[in-house]
Amino acid sequence: MHLQKVLLEWGRGFSFFARQKRITFDGRHFRIDLVFYNYILKCFVLIDLKIGDLTHQDLGQMQMYVHYSERELMNDGDNPPIGIVLCADKSESVVKYTLPENETQIFASKYKLYLTSEEELSQELQREYRALEYGKEKTNSFT
């Protein structure tokens, strides 16, 4: 997956952990788009990809993923996980009023273009979204 490679180029210490990491509780299934472990920071890095504008629901969903990871994935000596929501556009007000002040675990960002053009990134996000939707359809046909 090309987007996964781009994310691995963010910095040193990133190790791929899972794509579409399925978590289940109370009979409901959720999927974290991408999960990395950074062995320098000693923490999980959770990535959620959004092709539209950022919503408060997106941030709440990431908070759930971060709390789940704290309780179920962390090992002794790990630092708390970091959640990143990458979106096509975001409202600073939505972020400000959804997340606690001085939030250190969850981040929302419009993708800043350094490695690829805006058009290439948009196409890649669309491909990734289609792949995710196809995966959900395929998984639902098995359950």
Protein backbone atom coordinates (compact mmCIF):
# COMPACT_ATOMS: atom_id res chain seq x y z
CA MET A 1 0.00 0.00 0.00
CA HIS A 2 1.50 3.33 -1.09
CA LEU A 3 -0.01 5.44 1.71
CA GLN A 4 1.45 3.08 4.29
CA LYS A 5 4.90 3.68 2.77
CA VAL A 6 4.39 7.45 2.94
CA LEU A 7 3.49 7.20 6.61
CA LEU A 8 6.55 5.08 7.31
CA GLU A 9 8.66 7.91 5.88
CA TRP A 10 7.47 10.28 8.63
CA GLY A 11 10.41 9.45 10.79
CA ARG A 12 12.68 6.94 12.40
CA GLY A 13 11.49 4.14 14.59
CA PHE A 14 8.16 3.39 12.92
CA SER A 15 7.22 -0.24 12.54
CA PHE A 16 4.04 -1.37 10.82
CA PHE A 17 1.71 -3.20 13.23
CA ALA A 18 -1.69 -3.55 11.52
CA ARG A 19 -3.94 -2.32 8.76
CA GLN A 20 -7.67 -2.27 9.51
CA LYS A 21 -6.98 -3.45 13.07
CA ARG A 22 -10.29 -4.92 14.20
CA ILE A 23 -11.37 -4.32 17.76
CA THR A 24 -14.57 -5.75 19.18
CA PHE A 25 -16.50 -5.07 22.33
CA ASP A 26 -20.15 -5.43 23.26
CA GLY A 27 -20.66 -7.28 19.99
CA ARG A 28 -19.69 -4.26 17.89
CA HIS A 29 -16.73 -4.19 15.53
CA PHE A 30 -14.52 -1.19 14.85
CA ARG A 31 -11.44 -0.85 12.66
CA ILE A 32 -8.42 1.35 13.18
CA ASP A 33 -7.17 2.23 9.69
CA LEU A 34 -3.44 1.94 10.39
CA VAL A 35 -1.49 1.03 13.52
CA PHE A 36 2.24 1.54 13.91
CA TYR A 37 4.57 1.04 16.82
CA ASN A 38 7.39 3.53 17.27
CA TYR A 39 10.21 1.78 19.07
CA ILE A 40 12.03 5.07 19.77
CA LEU A 41 8.98 6.73 21.35
CA LYS A 42 7.90 3.34 22.76
CA CYS A 43 4.27 3.83 21.88
CA PHE A 44 1.58 2.82 19.42
CA VAL A 45 0.64 5.37 16.77
CA LEU A 46 -2.93 5.04 15.52
CA ILE A 47 -3.90 6.59 12.19
CA ASP A 48 -7.45 7.24 11.04
CA LEU A 49 -7.94 8.44 7.46
CA LYS A 50 -10.86 10.72 6.60
CA ILE A 51 -11.53 11.87 3.05
CA GLY A 52 -13.99 14.56 4.13
CA ASP A 53 -14.08 17.34 6.67
CA LEU A 54 -13.16 16.48 10.25
CA THR A 55 -16.12 16.02 12.62
CA HIS A 56 -16.38 15.77 16.38
CA GLN A 57 -17.43 12.14 15.86
CA ASP A 58 -14.09 11.44 14.16
CA LEU A 59 -12.23 12.80 17.19
CA GLY A 60 -14.45 10.86 19.60
CA GLN A 61 -13.81 7.69 17.64
CA MET A 62 -10.05 8.28 17.87
CA GLN A 63 -10.38 8.88 21.62
CA MET A 64 -12.06 5.47 21.89
CA TYR A 65 -9.24 3.86 19.87
CA VAL A 66 -6.59 5.50 22.07
CA HIS A 67 -8.29 4.40 25.30
CA TYR A 68 -8.74 0.87 23.93
CA SER A 69 -5.06 0.74 22.99
CA GLU A 70 -4.04 1.96 26.45
CA ARG A 71 -5.97 -0.85 28.07
CA GLU A 72 -5.49 -3.68 25.60
CA LEU A 73 -2.32 -3.17 23.53
CA MET A 74 0.19 -1.42 25.79
CA ASN A 75 2.92 -3.43 27.48
CA ASP A 76 4.98 -2.59 30.56
CA GLY A 77 7.34 0.26 29.71
CA ASP A 78 5.22 1.57 26.81
CA ASN A 79 4.22 5.21 26.67
CA PRO A 80 0.56 6.12 26.02
CA PRO A 81 -0.56 5.72 22.40
CA ILE A 82 -0.84 8.64 20.00
CA GLY A 83 -3.87 9.02 17.74
CA ILE A 84 -3.69 10.96 14.49
CA VAL A 85 -6.68 11.79 12.32
CA LEU A 86 -5.68 12.78 8.78
CA CYS A 87 -8.47 14.59 6.98
CA ALA A 88 -9.19 16.57 3.84
CA ASP A 89 -10.12 19.64 5.89
CA LYS A 90 -10.54 20.54 9.53
CA SER A 91 -12.14 23.23 11.61
CA GLU A 92 -9.92 24.52 14.40
CA SER A 93 -13.09 25.18 16.44
CA VAL A 94 -14.23 21.55 16.15
CA VAL A 95 -10.82 20.41 17.43
CA LYS A 96 -10.72 23.06 20.18
CA TYR A 97 -14.13 22.21 21.60
CA THR A 98 -14.00 18.44 21.13
CA LEU A 99 -10.60 17.66 22.65
CA PRO A 100 -9.50 18.62 26.16
CA GLU A 101 -7.15 21.56 26.53
CA ASN A 102 -3.47 20.59 26.37
CA GLU A 103 -4.32 17.29 24.62
CA THR A 104 -1.11 15.31 24.13
CA GLN A 105 -2.38 12.05 22.64
CA ILE A 106 -4.79 12.95 19.84
CA PHE A 107 -4.00 15.14 16.86
CA ALA A 108 -6.00 16.18 13.82
CA SER A 109 -4.33 17.55 10.77
CA LYS A 110 -4.86 18.44 7.19
CA TYR A 111 -2.15 16.73 5.26
CA LYS A 112 0.69 19.13 4.48
CA LEU A 113 2.13 18.36 1.10
CA TYR A 114 5.83 17.61 1.10
CA LEU A 115 6.22 14.22 -0.53
CA THR A 116 3.43 14.19 -3.12
CA SER A 117 1.23 16.68 -4.92
CA GLU A 118 -2.24 17.47 -3.63
CA GLU A 119 -3.79 15.65 -6.60
CA GLU A 120 -1.67 12.52 -6.01
CA LEU A 121 -2.55 12.49 -2.31
CA SER A 122 -6.24 12.97 -3.08
CA GLN A 123 -6.15 10.06 -5.54
CA GLU A 124 -4.31 7.89 -3.01
CA LEU A 125 -6.84 8.73 -0.27
CA GLN A 126 -9.68 7.85 -2.66
CA ARG A 127 -7.98 4.51 -3.51
CA GLU A 128 -7.46 3.80 0.18
CA TYR A 129 -11.08 4.67 0.97
CA ARG A 130 -12.32 2.34 -1.78
CA ALA A 131 -10.05 -0.43 -0.49
CA LEU A 132 -11.38 0.09 3.05
CA GLU A 133 -14.98 0.00 1.83
CA TYR A 134 -14.28 -3.14 -0.22
CA GLY A 135 -12.69 -4.75 2.87
CA LYS A 136 -15.76 -3.91 4.98
CA GLU A 137 -18.10 -5.37 2.35
CA LYS A 138 -15.98 -8.50 2.09
CA THR A 139 -15.80 -8.89 5.89
CA ASN A 140 -19.55 -8.33 6.27
CA SER A 141 -20.24 -11.10 3.76
CA PHE A 142 -18.34 -13.54 5.99
CA THR A 143 -20.11 -12.63 9.24
